[in-house]
Every structure is written in C-alpha cells, then in structure tokens.
C-alpha atoms as a PDB file:
ATOM      1  CA  MET A   1    -113.737  94.979  85.572  1.00  0.00           C
ATOM      2  CA  ASN A   2    -115.226  92.077  83.615  1.00  0.00           C
ATOM      3  CA  ASP A   3    -116.681  92.058  80.103  1.00  0.00           C
ATOM      4  CA  SER A   4    -120.232  92.636  81.340  1.00  0.00           C
ATOM      5  CA  THR A   5    -119.278  95.988  82.884  1.00  0.00           C
ATOM      6  CA  VAL A   6    -117.214  97.466  80.028  1.00  0.00           C
ATOM      7  CA  THR A   7    -118.274 101.043  79.355  1.00  0.00           C
ATOM      8  CA  LEU A   8    -118.186 102.549  75.868  1.00  0.00           C
ATOM      9  CA  PRO A   9    -119.154 106.173  76.504  1.00  0.00           C
ATOM     10  CA  TRP A  10    -117.739 107.745  73.322  1.00  0.00           C
ATOM     11  CA  LEU A  11    -119.811 107.808  70.135  1.00  0.00           C
ATOM     12  CA  VAL A  12    -118.901 108.605  66.562  1.00  0.00           C
ATOM     13  CA  ILE A  13    -121.845 110.286  64.856  1.00  0.00           C
ATOM     14  CA  ARG A  14    -122.296 110.748  61.091  1.00  0.00           C
ATOM     15  CA  GLN A  15    -124.528 113.347  59.488  1.00  0.00           C
ATOM     16  CA  ASP A  16    -125.278 112.989  55.789  1.00  0.00           C
ATOM     17  CA  ASP A  17    -125.913 115.794  53.318  1.00  0.00           C
ATOM     18  CA  SER A  18    -129.681 115.525  53.980  1.00  0.00           C
ATOM     19  CA  GLY A  19    -129.193 116.195  57.698  1.00  0.00           C
ATOM     20  CA  ASN A  20    -129.856 112.612  58.846  1.00  0.00           C
ATOM     21  CA  ARG A  21    -127.731 111.511  61.807  1.00  0.00           C
ATOM     22  CA  TYR A  22    -126.497 107.993  62.540  1.00  0.00           C
ATOM     23  CA  ARG A  23    -124.413 106.388  65.260  1.00  0.00           C
ATOM     24  CA  VAL A  24    -121.333 104.859  63.620  1.00  0.00           C
ATOM     25  CA  GLY A  25    -119.938 103.180  66.733  1.00  0.00           C
ATOM     26  CA  ARG A  26    -119.219 103.296  70.451  1.00  0.00           C
ATOM     27  CA  TYR A  27    -115.703 103.438  71.886  1.00  0.00           C
ATOM     28  CA  ALA A  28    -113.966 103.273  75.254  1.00  0.00           C
ATOM     29  CA  THR A  29    -111.833 106.402  74.814  1.00  0.00           C
ATOM     30  CA  ARG A  30    -112.217 109.761  73.120  1.00  0.00           C
ATOM     31  CA  SER A  31    -108.906 109.194  71.359  1.00  0.00           C
ATOM     32  CA  GLU A  32    -110.107 105.932  69.828  1.00  0.00           C
ATOM     33  CA  ALA A  33    -113.398 107.510  68.705  1.00  0.00           C
ATOM     34  CA  GLN A  34    -111.622 110.554  67.252  1.00  0.00           C
ATOM     35  CA  LYS A  35    -109.244 108.338  65.289  1.00  0.00           C
ATOM     36  CA  ILE A  36    -112.233 106.580  63.669  1.00  0.00           C
ATOM     37  CA  ALA A  37    -114.017 109.877  62.945  1.00  0.00           C
ATOM     38  CA  ASP A  38    -110.871 111.356  61.384  1.00  0.00           C
ATOM     39  CA  SER A  39    -110.335 108.255  59.253  1.00  0.00           C
ATOM     40  CA  LEU A  40    -113.905 108.307  57.963  1.00  0.00           C
ATOM     41  CA  GLU A  41    -113.845 112.045  57.306  1.00  0.00           C
ATOM     42  CA  SER A  42    -110.586 111.797  55.341  1.00  0.00           C
ATOM     43  CA  ARG A  43    -112.348 109.670  52.700  1.00  0.00           C
ATOM     44  CA  GLY A  44    -113.721 112.881  51.192  1.00  0.00           C
ATOM     45  CA  HIS A  45    -117.453 112.173  51.275  1.00  0.00           C
ATOM     46  CA  LYS A  46    -120.011 114.895  52.019  1.00  0.00           C
ATOM     47  CA  GLN A  47    -120.862 113.434  55.437  1.00  0.00           C
ATOM     48  CA  LEU A  48    -119.782 115.089  58.667  1.00  0.00           C
ATOM     49  CA  TYR A  49    -118.335 113.020  61.513  1.00  0.00           C
ATOM     50  CA  TRP A  50    -117.870 114.009  65.143  1.00  0.00           C
ATOM     51  CA  VAL A  51    -117.375 112.546  68.609  1.00  0.00           C
ATOM     52  CA  GLU A  52    -119.828 112.848  71.505  1.00  0.00           C
ATOM     53  CA  ARG A  53    -119.781 111.459  75.041  1.00  0.00           C
ATOM     54  CA  ILE A  54    -122.717 109.690  76.614  1.00  0.00           C
ATOM     55  CA  GLY A  55    -123.446 110.977  80.142  1.00  0.00           C
ATOM     56  CA  GLN A  56    -123.850 108.821  83.238  1.00  0.00           C
ATOM     57  CA  ASP A  57    -127.617 108.603  82.687  1.00  0.00           C
ATOM     58  CA  GLY A  58    -127.251 107.556  79.026  1.00  0.00           C
ATOM     59  CA  ASP A  59    -127.877 111.006  77.557  1.00  0.00           C
ATOM     60  CA  LEU A  60    -125.450 112.729  75.233  1.00  0.00           C
ATOM     61  CA  GLU A  61    -123.333 115.418  76.821  1.00  0.00           C
ATOM     62  CA  ALA A  62    -123.156 118.753  75.032  1.00  0.00           C
END
C-alpha cells in the first residue's frame, strides 16, 4: 500500500454543549481514535467525544 491509498476510516467527533458536532480527526485504527477521544474527554470540558467508523461508501456506520 502506498501513501495515496492509505485509509483513515475512524473519526473522532466532538459535540459541544450547544449540540454542534465537529470532526476532530481521522485515524487508521479504532484504538488510535479512541485514545485521542479519551485524552480530549479527560480535559474536563463540557464537550462529548466519541469514535465512529466511515463505511465503504463514505457514510458513517451506526
């Protein structure tokens, strides 16, 4: 696999206290994404962080 075909299917999503959602980053593995989400959440802000996977067609998987 070369750099042009690297897949980053795992997203970290942030939701603020007003309900707005933002993509924080994309990651190669769920473990890597979860580590980032946990680190951000441990800072004690009111935002929620979670991990989602992008499906084969680019849509988020439930």
